[in-house]
Amino acid sequence: MKKPDYTILVCNSYRVAGDAQGFCNKQGAVSFLQYLTEECADRGIDAVVTTTACMSVCSQGPIVVIQPNNYWYGGVTTDKLEEILDALEEGKAVEEYLIA
């Protein structure tokens, strides 16, 4: 198996019991999955997009993390995702959206 260039993690607020019930999920983070998957494919970005359990920074959600760059983005919207992917293509981060 070829390792992808990027892993994009989308907080979907899953809890130990398995229920998605936190801030990121309630703010529509689940819709980011299809958008990111399709955008990465269209742009030729070699990435795996997946959801995660709660990342414990609800006050700054929705949260998207891009690895191996270790870019932690907060307050993410679909419009911000477009900017984030534009920057990723250029090998940069969108500094104003970074939370860590």
PDB file of N, CA and C in Angstrom:
ATOM      1  N   MET A   1       0.842  -1.178   0.000  1.00  0.00           N
ATOM      2  CA  MET A   1       0.000   0.000   0.000  1.00  0.00           C
ATOM      3  C   MET A   1       0.886   1.240   0.000  1.00  0.00           C
ATOM      4  N   LYS A   2       0.557   2.183  -0.853  1.00  0.00           N
ATOM      5  CA  LYS A   2       1.275   3.452  -0.898  1.00  0.00           C
ATOM      6  C   LYS A   2       0.712   4.383   0.170  1.00  0.00           C
ATOM      7  N   LYS A   3       1.600   4.962   0.953  1.00  0.00           N
ATOM      8  CA  LYS A   3       1.181   5.899   1.992  1.00  0.00           C
ATOM      9  C   LYS A   3       0.802   7.226   1.333  1.00  0.00           C
ATOM     10  N   PRO A   4      -0.365   7.807   1.691  1.00  0.00           N
ATOM     11  CA  PRO A   4      -0.756   9.088   1.101  1.00  0.00           C
ATOM     12  C   PRO A   4       0.155  10.210   1.597  1.00  0.00           C
ATOM     13  N   ASP A   5       0.209  11.296   0.842  1.00  0.00           N
ATOM     14  CA  ASP A   5       1.002  12.455   1.246  1.00  0.00           C
ATOM     15  C   ASP A   5       0.422  13.124   2.488  1.00  0.00           C
ATOM     16  N   TYR A   6      -0.900  13.109   2.603  1.00  0.00           N
ATOM     17  CA  TYR A   6      -1.577  13.794   3.710  1.00  0.00           C
ATOM     18  C   TYR A   6      -2.673  12.921   4.297  1.00  0.00           C
ATOM     19  N   THR A   7      -2.896  13.112   5.578  1.00  0.00           N
ATOM     20  CA  THR A   7      -4.067  12.573   6.255  1.00  0.00           C
ATOM     21  C   THR A   7      -4.813  13.780   6.809  1.00  0.00           C
ATOM     22  N   ILE A   8      -6.066  13.913   6.416  1.00  0.00           N
ATOM     23  CA  ILE A   8      -6.883  15.031   6.872  1.00  0.00           C
ATOM     24  C   ILE A   8      -7.909  14.480   7.847  1.00  0.00           C
ATOM     25  N   LEU A   9      -7.817  14.955   9.086  1.00  0.00           N
ATOM     26  CA  LEU A   9      -8.682  14.491  10.166  1.00  0.00           C
ATOM     27  C   LEU A   9      -9.749  15.540  10.440  1.00  0.00           C
ATOM     28  N   VAL A  10     -10.985  15.129  10.443  1.00  0.00           N
ATOM     29  CA  VAL A  10     -12.108  16.018  10.717  1.00  0.00           C
ATOM     30  C   VAL A  10     -12.751  15.581  12.026  1.00  0.00           C
ATOM     31  N   CYS A  11     -12.717  16.462  13.022  1.00  0.00           N
ATOM     32  CA  CYS A  11     -13.370  16.135  14.284  1.00  0.00           C
ATOM     33  C   CYS A  11     -14.869  16.006  14.032  1.00  0.00           C
ATOM     34  N   ASN A  12     -15.412  14.877  14.457  1.00  0.00           N
ATOM     35  CA  ASN A  12     -16.850  14.687  14.320  1.00  0.00           C
ATOM     36  C   ASN A  12     -17.482  14.404  15.668  1.00  0.00           C
ATOM     37  N   SER A  13     -16.734  14.688  16.727  1.00  0.00           N
ATOM     38  CA  SER A  13     -17.270  14.711  18.093  1.00  0.00           C
ATOM     39  C   SER A  13     -17.769  13.373  18.612  1.00  0.00           C
ATOM     40  N   TYR A  14     -17.238  12.263  18.109  1.00  0.00           N
ATOM     41  CA  TYR A  14     -17.656  10.965  18.638  1.00  0.00           C
ATOM     42  C   TYR A  14     -17.182  10.825  20.073  1.00  0.00           C
ATOM     43  N   ARG A  15     -18.017  10.257  20.910  1.00  0.00           N
ATOM     44  CA  ARG A  15     -17.697  10.041  22.316  1.00  0.00           C
ATOM     45  C   ARG A  15     -17.435   8.563  22.549  1.00  0.00           C
ATOM     46  N   VAL A  16     -17.045   8.222  23.754  1.00  0.00           N
ATOM     47  CA  VAL A  16     -16.731   6.839  24.099  1.00  0.00           C
ATOM     48  C   VAL A  16     -17.886   5.909  23.746  1.00  0.00           C
ATOM     49  N   ALA A  17     -19.102   6.350  23.971  1.00  0.00           N
ATOM     50  CA  ALA A  17     -20.274   5.523  23.664  1.00  0.00           C
ATOM     51  C   ALA A  17     -20.528   5.410  22.163  1.00  0.00           C
ATOM     52  N   GLY A  18     -19.770   6.174  21.355  1.00  0.00           N
ATOM     53  CA  GLY A  18     -19.917   6.076  19.914  1.00  0.00           C
ATOM     54  C   GLY A  18     -20.844   7.098  19.307  1.00  0.00           C
ATOM     55  N   ASP A  19     -21.484   7.909  20.134  1.00  0.00           N
ATOM     56  CA  ASP A  19     -22.418   8.901  19.613  1.00  0.00           C
ATOM     57  C   ASP A  19     -21.692  10.188  19.241  1.00  0.00           C
ATOM     58  N   ALA A  20     -22.021  10.722  18.071  1.00  0.00           N
ATOM     59  CA  ALA A  20     -21.487  12.026  17.667  1.00  0.00           C
ATOM     60  C   ALA A  20     -22.424  13.075  18.233  1.00  0.00           C
ATOM     61  N   GLN A  21     -21.961  13.823  19.235  1.00  0.00           N
ATOM     62  CA  GLN A  21     -22.889  14.727  19.894  1.00  0.00           C
ATOM     63  C   GLN A  21     -22.278  16.065  20.281  1.00  0.00           C
ATOM     64  N   GLY A  22     -21.027  16.291  19.931  1.00  0.00           N
ATOM     65  CA  GLY A  22     -20.363  17.513  20.346  1.00  0.00           C
ATOM     66  C   GLY A  22     -20.484  18.652  19.357  1.00  0.00           C
ATOM     67  N   PHE A  23     -19.755  19.714  19.647  1.00  0.00           N
ATOM     68  CA  PHE A  23     -19.838  20.958  18.904  1.00  0.00           C
ATOM     69  C   PHE A  23     -19.526  20.795  17.421  1.00  0.00           C
ATOM     70  N   CYS A  24     -18.429  20.138  17.087  1.00  0.00           N
ATOM     71  CA  CYS A  24     -18.038  20.020  15.684  1.00  0.00           C
ATOM     72  C   CYS A  24     -19.122  19.339  14.854  1.00  0.00           C
ATOM     73  N   ASN A  25     -19.665  18.258  15.394  1.00  0.00           N
ATOM     74  CA  ASN A  25     -20.725  17.552  14.688  1.00  0.00           C
ATOM     75  C   ASN A  25     -21.948  18.438  14.510  1.00  0.00           C
ATOM     76  N   LYS A  26     -22.332  19.142  15.564  1.00  0.00           N
ATOM     77  CA  LYS A  26     -23.516  20.001  15.497  1.00  0.00           C
ATOM     78  C   LYS A  26     -23.316  21.195  14.562  1.00  0.00           C
ATOM     79  N   GLN A  27     -22.062  21.542  14.297  1.00  0.00           N
ATOM     80  CA  GLN A  27     -21.763  22.646  13.384  1.00  0.00           C
ATOM     81  C   GLN A  27     -21.552  22.172  11.949  1.00  0.00           C
ATOM     82  N   GLY A  28     -21.858  20.905  11.674  1.00  0.00           N
ATOM     83  CA  GLY A  28     -21.851  20.408  10.299  1.00  0.00           C
ATOM     84  C   GLY A  28     -20.539  19.828   9.801  1.00  0.00           C
ATOM     85  N   ALA A  29     -19.639  19.485  10.705  1.00  0.00           N
ATOM     86  CA  ALA A  29     -18.342  18.949  10.279  1.00  0.00           C
ATOM     87  C   ALA A  29     -18.480  17.687   9.439  1.00  0.00           C
ATOM     88  N   VAL A  30     -19.538  16.926   9.655  1.00  0.00           N
ATOM     89  CA  VAL A  30     -19.716  15.691   8.880  1.00  0.00           C
ATOM     90  C   VAL A  30     -19.809  15.989   7.378  1.00  0.00           C
ATOM     91  N   SER A  31     -20.316  17.150   7.014  1.00  0.00           N
ATOM     92  CA  SER A  31     -20.423  17.504   5.591  1.00  0.00           C
ATOM     93  C   SER A  31     -19.054  17.800   4.981  1.00  0.00           C
ATOM     94  N   PHE A  32     -18.044  18.030   5.815  1.00  0.00           N
ATOM     95  CA  PHE A  32     -16.702  18.309   5.305  1.00  0.00           C
ATOM     96  C   PHE A  32     -16.085  17.084   4.637  1.00  0.00           C
ATOM     97  N   LEU A  33     -16.501  15.897   5.051  1.00  0.00           N
ATOM     98  CA  LEU A  33     -15.875  14.675   4.545  1.00  0.00           C
ATOM     99  C   LEU A  33     -16.001  14.538   3.036  1.00  0.00           C
ATOM    100  N   GLN A  34     -17.214  14.621   2.539  1.00  0.00           N
ATOM    101  CA  GLN A  34     -17.419  14.480   1.106  1.00  0.00           C
ATOM    102  C   GLN A  34     -16.761  15.636   0.357  1.00  0.00           C
ATOM    103  N   TYR A  35     -16.910  16.847   0.889  1.00  0.00           N
ATOM    104  CA  TYR A  35     -16.319  18.014   0.249  1.00  0.00           C
ATOM    105  C   TYR A  35     -14.806  17.850   0.134  1.00  0.00           C
ATOM    106  N   LEU A  36     -14.142  17.518   1.240  1.00  0.00           N
ATOM    107  CA  LEU A  36     -12.687  17.368   1.226  1.00  0.00           C
ATOM    108  C   LEU A  36     -12.237  16.232   0.318  1.00  0.00           C
ATOM    109  N   THR A  37     -12.939  15.118   0.376  1.00  0.00           N
ATOM    110  CA  THR A  37     -12.580  13.969  -0.459  1.00  0.00           C
ATOM    111  C   THR A  37     -12.657  14.334  -1.936  1.00  0.00           C
ATOM    112  N   GLU A  38     -13.750  14.982  -2.331  1.00  0.00           N
ATOM    113  CA  GLU A  38     -13.929  15.361  -3.730  1.00  0.00           C
ATOM    114  C   GLU A  38     -12.945  16.450  -4.157  1.00  0.00           C
ATOM    115  N   GLU A  39     -12.742  17.442  -3.303  1.00  0.00           N
ATOM    116  CA  GLU A  39     -11.815  18.528  -3.630  1.00  0.00           C
ATOM    117  C   GLU A  39     -10.382  18.021  -3.760  1.00  0.00           C
ATOM    118  N   CYS A  40      -9.973  17.153  -2.856  1.00  0.00           N
ATOM    119  CA  CYS A  40      -8.622  16.599  -2.945  1.00  0.00           C
ATOM    120  C   CYS A  40      -8.448  15.812  -4.241  1.00  0.00           C
ATOM    121  N   ALA A  41      -9.447  15.010  -4.596  1.00  0.00           N
ATOM    122  CA  ALA A  41      -9.381  14.251  -5.848  1.00  0.00           C
ATOM    123  C   ALA A  41      -9.320  15.193  -7.046  1.00  0.00           C
ATOM    124  N   ASP A  42     -10.173  16.212  -7.065  1.00  0.00           N
ATOM    125  CA  ASP A  42     -10.203  17.164  -8.178  1.00  0.00           C
ATOM    126  C   ASP A  42      -8.891  17.929  -8.318  1.00  0.00           C
ATOM    127  N   ARG A  43      -8.253  18.214  -7.196  1.00  0.00           N
ATOM    128  CA  ARG A  43      -7.029  19.010  -7.190  1.00  0.00           C
ATOM    129  C   ARG A  43      -5.765  18.150  -7.329  1.00  0.00           C
ATOM    130  N   GLY A  44      -5.932  16.835  -7.275  1.00  0.00           N
ATOM    131  CA  GLY A  44      -4.772  15.959  -7.346  1.00  0.00           C
ATOM    132  C   GLY A  44      -3.973  15.916  -6.060  1.00  0.00           C
ATOM    133  N   ILE A  45      -4.616  16.241  -4.939  1.00  0.00           N
ATOM    134  CA  ILE A  45      -3.962  16.160  -3.633  1.00  0.00           C
ATOM    135  C   ILE A  45      -4.092  14.727  -3.135  1.00  0.00           C
ATOM    136  N   ASP A  46      -2.961  14.087  -2.884  1.00  0.00           N
ATOM    137  CA  ASP A  46      -2.943  12.701  -2.427  1.00  0.00           C
ATOM    138  C   ASP A  46      -3.211  12.672  -0.923  1.00  0.00           C
ATOM    139  N   ALA A  47      -4.479  12.497  -0.555  1.00  0.00           N
ATOM    140  CA  ALA A  47      -4.867  12.573   0.853  1.00  0.00           C
ATOM    141  C   ALA A  47      -5.935  11.543   1.184  1.00  0.00           C
ATOM    142  N   VAL A  48      -5.886  11.095   2.434  1.00  0.00           N
ATOM    143  CA  VAL A  48      -6.953  10.292   3.013  1.00  0.00           C
ATOM    144  C   VAL A  48      -7.703  11.228   3.948  1.00  0.00           C
ATOM    145  N   VAL A  49      -9.022  11.246   3.841  1.00  0.00           N
ATOM    146  CA  VAL A  49      -9.861  12.090   4.687  1.00  0.00           C
ATOM    147  C   VAL A  49     -10.660  11.170   5.601  1.00  0.00           C
ATOM    148  N   THR A  50     -10.642  11.456   6.896  1.00  0.00           N
ATOM    149  CA  THR A  50     -11.350  10.609   7.849  1.00  0.00           C
ATOM    150  C   THR A  50     -11.865  11.441   9.015  1.00  0.00           C
ATOM    151  N   THR A  51     -12.814  10.875   9.759  1.00  0.00           N
ATOM    152  CA  THR A  51     -13.334  11.546  10.950  1.00  0.00           C
ATOM    153  C   THR A  51     -12.622  11.024  12.182  1.00  0.00           C
ATOM    154  N   THR A  52     -12.764  11.773  13.257  1.00  0.00           N
ATOM    155  CA  THR A  52     -12.152  11.375  14.522  1.00  0.00           C
ATOM    156  C   THR A  52     -13.171  11.496  15.648  1.00  0.00           C
ATOM    157  N   ALA A  53     -12.764  11.004  16.781  1.00  0.00           N
ATOM    158  CA  ALA A  53     -13.492  11.266  18.015  1.00  0.00           C
ATOM    159  C   ALA A  53     -13.246  12.715  18.398  1.00  0.00           C
ATOM    160  N   CYS A  54     -13.822  13.141  19.488  1.00  0.00           N
ATOM    161  CA  CYS A  54     -13.659  14.515  19.958  1.00  0.00           C
ATOM    162  C   CYS A  54     -12.179  14.824  20.159  1.00  0.00           C
ATOM    163  N   MET A  55     -11.747  15.960  19.638  1.00  0.00           N
ATOM    164  CA  MET A  55     -10.353  16.390  19.777  1.00  0.00           C
ATOM    165  C   MET A  55     -10.155  17.322  20.974  1.00  0.00           C
ATOM    166  N   SER A  56     -11.222  17.531  21.724  1.00  0.00           N
ATOM    167  CA  SER A  56     -11.180  18.265  22.998  1.00  0.00           C
ATOM    168  C   SER A  56     -10.802  19.733  22.878  1.00  0.00           C
ATOM    169  N   VAL A  57     -11.143  20.350  21.773  1.00  0.00           N
ATOM    170  CA  VAL A  57     -10.994  21.802  21.623  1.00  0.00           C
ATOM    171  C   VAL A  57     -12.302  22.368  21.064  1.00  0.00           C
ATOM    172  N   CYS A  58     -13.396  21.945  21.680  1.00  0.00           N
ATOM    173  CA  CYS A  58     -14.734  22.286  21.208  1.00  0.00           C
ATOM    174  C   CYS A  58     -14.942  23.791  21.060  1.00  0.00           C
ATOM    175  N   SER A  59     -14.339  24.552  21.941  1.00  0.00           N
ATOM    176  CA  SER A  59     -14.526  26.007  21.895  1.00  0.00           C
ATOM    177  C   SER A  59     -13.987  26.621  20.612  1.00  0.00           C
ATOM    178  N   GLN A  60     -13.170  25.851  19.871  1.00  0.00           N
ATOM    179  CA  GLN A  60     -12.589  26.373  18.639  1.00  0.00           C
ATOM    180  C   GLN A  60     -13.050  25.596  17.413  1.00  0.00           C
ATOM    181  N   GLY A  61     -14.053  24.758  17.569  1.00  0.00           N
ATOM    182  CA  GLY A  61     -14.504  23.902  16.474  1.00  0.00           C
ATOM    183  C   GLY A  61     -15.350  24.628  15.445  1.00  0.00           C
ATOM    184  N   PRO A  62     -15.630  23.960  14.371  1.00  0.00           N
ATOM    185  CA  PRO A  62     -15.161  22.655  13.933  1.00  0.00           C
ATOM    186  C   PRO A  62     -13.644  22.638  13.688  1.00  0.00           C
ATOM    187  N   ILE A  63     -13.053  21.482  13.970  1.00  0.00           N
ATOM    188  CA  ILE A  63     -11.610  21.299  13.894  1.00  0.00           C
ATOM    189  C   ILE A  63     -11.250  20.394  12.724  1.00  0.00           C
ATOM    190  N   VAL A  64     -10.211  20.797  11.974  1.00  0.00           N
ATOM    191  CA  VAL A  64      -9.636  19.973  10.913  1.00  0.00           C
ATOM    192  C   VAL A  64      -8.124  19.977  11.136  1.00  0.00           C
ATOM    193  N   VAL A  65      -7.525  18.783  11.105  1.00  0.00           N
ATOM    194  CA  VAL A  65      -6.084  18.645  11.289  1.00  0.00           C
ATOM    195  C   VAL A  65      -5.494  18.009  10.033  1.00  0.00           C
ATOM    196  N   ILE A  66      -4.407  18.590   9.559  1.00  0.00           N
ATOM    197  CA  ILE A  66      -3.720  18.043   8.389  1.00  0.00           C
ATOM    198  C   ILE A  66      -2.361  17.522   8.833  1.00  0.00           C
ATOM    199  N   GLN A  67      -2.146  16.228   8.601  1.00  0.00           N
ATOM    200  CA  GLN A  67      -0.880  15.572   8.916  1.00  0.00           C
ATOM    201  C   GLN A  67      -0.203  15.167   7.617  1.00  0.00           C
ATOM    202  N   PRO A  68       1.084  15.130   7.500  1.00  0.00           N
ATOM    203  CA  PRO A  68       2.059  15.215   8.567  1.00  0.00           C
ATOM    204  C   PRO A  68       2.458  16.648   8.938  1.00  0.00           C
ATOM    205  N   ASN A  69       1.821  17.647   8.371  1.00  0.00           N
ATOM    206  CA  ASN A  69       2.175  19.038   8.626  1.00  0.00           C
ATOM    207  C   ASN A  69       1.862  19.486  10.051  1.00  0.00           C
ATOM    208  N   ASN A  70       0.940  18.776  10.711  1.00  0.00           N
ATOM    209  CA  ASN A  70       0.476  19.113  12.049  1.00  0.00           C
ATOM    210  C   ASN A  70      -0.194  20.490  12.082  1.00  0.00           C
ATOM    211  N   TYR A  71      -0.969  20.790  11.046  1.00  0.00           N
ATOM    212  CA  TYR A  71      -1.759  22.018  10.986  1.00  0.00           C
ATOM    213  C   TYR A  71      -3.101  21.750  11.665  1.00  0.00           C
ATOM    214  N   TRP A  72      -3.384  22.471  12.738  1.00  0.00           N
ATOM    215  CA  TRP A  72      -4.651  22.369  13.458  1.00  0.00           C
ATOM    216  C   TRP A  72      -5.454  23.616  13.136  1.00  0.00           C
ATOM    217  N   TYR A  73      -6.554  23.445  12.410  1.00  0.00           N
ATOM    218  CA  TYR A  73      -7.410  24.558  12.026  1.00  0.00           C
ATOM    219  C   TYR A  73      -8.686  24.551  12.859  1.00  0.00           C
ATOM    220  N   GLY A  74      -9.116  25.732  13.277  1.00  0.00           N
ATOM    221  CA  GLY A  74     -10.340  25.856  14.052  1.00  0.00           C
ATOM    222  C   GLY A  74     -11.321  26.810  13.407  1.00  0.00           C
ATOM    223  N   GLY A  75     -12.577  26.686  13.823  1.00  0.00           N
ATOM    224  CA  GLY A  75     -13.635  27.529  13.272  1.00  0.00           C
ATOM    225  C   GLY A  75     -13.816  27.308  11.783  1.00  0.00           C
ATOM    226  N   VAL A  76     -13.624  26.076  11.349  1.00  0.00           N
ATOM    227  CA  VAL A  76     -13.614  25.750   9.924  1.00  0.00           C
ATOM    228  C   VAL A  76     -15.028  25.787   9.340  1.00  0.00           C
ATOM    229  N   THR A  77     -15.104  26.344   8.142  1.00  0.00           N
ATOM    230  CA  THR A  77     -16.322  26.358   7.326  1.00  0.00           C
ATOM    231  C   THR A  77     -15.933  25.832   5.946  1.00  0.00           C
ATOM    232  N   THR A  78     -16.922  25.600   5.099  1.00  0.00           N
ATOM    233  CA  THR A  78     -16.617  25.143   3.743  1.00  0.00           C
ATOM    234  C   THR A  78     -15.787  26.184   2.999  1.00  0.00           C
ATOM    235  N   ASP A  79     -16.098  27.467   3.171  1.00  0.00           N
ATOM    236  CA  ASP A  79     -15.310  28.516   2.516  1.00  0.00           C
ATOM    237  C   ASP A  79     -13.861  28.499   2.992  1.00  0.00           C
ATOM    238  N   LYS A  80     -13.664  28.292   4.282  1.00  0.00           N
ATOM    239  CA  LYS A  80     -12.305  28.227   4.818  1.00  0.00           C
ATOM    240  C   LYS A  80     -11.576  26.993   4.301  1.00  0.00           C
ATOM    241  N   LEU A  81     -12.305  25.887   4.112  1.00  0.00           N
ATOM    242  CA  LEU A  81     -11.677  24.680   3.587  1.00  0.00           C
ATOM    243  C   LEU A  81     -11.074  24.934   2.213  1.00  0.00           C
ATOM    244  N   GLU A  82     -11.750  25.702   1.404  1.00  0.00           N
ATOM    245  CA  GLU A  82     -11.221  26.013   0.075  1.00  0.00           C
ATOM    246  C   GLU A  82      -9.887  26.758   0.195  1.00  0.00           C
ATOM    247  N   GLU A  83      -9.820  27.726   1.090  1.00  0.00           N
ATOM    248  CA  GLU A  83      -8.574  28.456   1.321  1.00  0.00           C
ATOM    249  C   GLU A  83      -7.489  27.540   1.883  1.00  0.00           C
ATOM    250  N   ILE A  84      -7.876  26.656   2.779  1.00  0.00           N
ATOM    251  CA  ILE A  84      -6.931  25.727   3.386  1.00  0.00           C
ATOM    252  C   ILE A  84      -6.334  24.809   2.316  1.00  0.00           C
ATOM    253  N   LEU A  85      -7.176  24.305   1.423  1.00  0.00           N
ATOM    254  CA  LEU A  85      -6.676  23.437   0.356  1.00  0.00           C
ATOM    255  C   LEU A  85      -5.826  24.212  -0.644  1.00  0.00           C
ATOM    256  N   ASP A  86      -6.206  25.452  -0.942  1.00  0.00           N
ATOM    257  CA  ASP A  86      -5.377  26.296  -1.815  1.00  0.00           C
ATOM    258  C   ASP A  86      -3.976  26.437  -1.225  1.00  0.00           C
ATOM    259  N   ALA A  87      -3.910  26.727   0.064  1.00  0.00           N
ATOM    260  CA  ALA A  87      -2.621  26.897   0.742  1.00  0.00           C
ATOM    261  C   ALA A  87      -1.838  25.584   0.764  1.00  0.00           C
ATOM    262  N   LEU A  88      -2.541  24.469   1.004  1.00  0.00           N
ATOM    263  CA  LEU A  88      -1.880  23.166   1.044  1.00  0.00           C
ATOM    264  C   LEU A  88      -1.208  22.867  -0.293  1.00  0.00           C
ATOM    265  N   GLU A  89      -1.884  23.214  -1.383  1.00  0.00           N
ATOM    266  CA  GLU A  89      -1.301  23.013  -2.707  1.00  0.00           C
ATOM    267  C   GLU A  89      -0.016  23.819  -2.885  1.00  0.00           C
ATOM    268  N   GLU A  90       0.086  24.922  -2.189  1.00  0.00           N
ATOM    269  CA  GLU A  90       1.264  25.784  -2.269  1.00  0.00           C
ATOM    270  C   GLU A  90       2.294  25.446  -1.198  1.00  0.00           C
ATOM    271  N   GLY A  91       1.997  24.427  -0.389  1.00  0.00           N
ATOM    272  CA  GLY A  91       2.915  24.025   0.663  1.00  0.00           C
ATOM    273  C   GLY A  91       2.915  24.968   1.855  1.00  0.00           C
ATOM    274  N   LYS A  92       1.798  25.650   2.058  1.00  0.00           N
ATOM    275  CA  LYS A  92       1.693  26.634   3.131  1.00  0.00           C
ATOM    276  C   LYS A  92       0.501  26.325   4.028  1.00  0.00           C
ATOM    277  N   ALA A  93       0.441  27.059   5.134  1.00  0.00           N
ATOM    278  CA  ALA A  93      -0.714  27.017   6.035  1.00  0.00           C
ATOM    279  C   ALA A  93      -1.450  28.344   5.915  1.00  0.00           C
ATOM    280  N   VAL A  94      -2.722  28.344   6.287  1.00  0.00           N
ATOM    281  CA  VAL A  94      -3.476  29.589   6.417  1.00  0.00           C
ATOM    282  C   VAL A  94      -3.332  29.987   7.869  1.00  0.00           C
ATOM    283  N   GLU A  95      -2.355  30.825   8.134  1.00  0.00           N
ATOM    284  CA  GLU A  95      -1.967  31.170   9.509  1.00  0.00           C
ATOM    285  C   GLU A  95      -3.135  31.676  10.349  1.00  0.00           C
ATOM    286  N   GLU A  96      -4.023  32.458   9.771  1.00  0.00           N
ATOM    287  CA  GLU A  96      -5.109  33.066  10.558  1.00  0.00           C
ATOM    288  C   GLU A  96      -6.127  32.045  11.071  1.00  0.00           C
ATOM    289  N   TYR A  97      -6.160  30.852  10.503  1.00  0.00           N
ATOM    290  CA  TYR A  97      -7.097  29.817  10.950  1.00  0.00           C
ATOM    291  C   TYR A  97      -6.451  28.788  11.878  1.00  0.00           C
ATOM    292  N   LEU A  98      -5.131  28.840  12.019  1.00  0.00           N
ATOM    293  CA  LEU A  98      -4.436  27.856  12.861  1.00  0.00           C
ATOM    294  C   LEU A  98      -4.735  28.100  14.334  1.00  0.00           C
ATOM    295  N   ILE A  99      -4.952  27.007  15.053  1.00  0.00           N
ATOM    296  CA  ILE A  99      -5.175  27.116  16.508  1.00  0.00           C
ATOM    297  C   ILE A  99      -4.027  26.493  17.277  1.00  0.00           C
ATOM    298  N   ALA A 100      -3.156  25.803  16.608  1.00  0.00           N
ATOM    299  CA  ALA A 100      -1.995  25.174  17.265  1.00  0.00           C
ATOM    300  C   ALA A 100      -0.851  25.083  16.278  1.00  0.00           C
TER     301      ALA A 100
END
